[in-house]
């Protein structure tokens, strides 16, 4: 879990895990510059807050229910990677939606 101690590590973990399950997150890789973007916290904040992306992510979760998202890791990290309360609240709400989809897919 040492890799997850940093936001860059979390992004790398997501990309690796998504690829392992057969989903290549091209957009996420590009936007985050494969985890190397200098303003990664700002980029991830925008991604979490961007409601238009939810439908796309939900569609991918329907196909890959074991897909890990940045919301999974934000909410799984004790300090939420230092994101603002607003980002954390939206990440929590998004994750609830994603988890509902995961449950529905597994029924």
Foldseek 3Di string as FASTA:
>chain_A
DVLLPAPLSVLLVLQVVCVVQPHHPVVSCVQCVNSPDPPNLVSVLCVLPPPVCLVVVLVVCLVVVPRDDLLNSLVVDPCSNVHDPVSVVSSVVSVVVSVVSSVVSVD
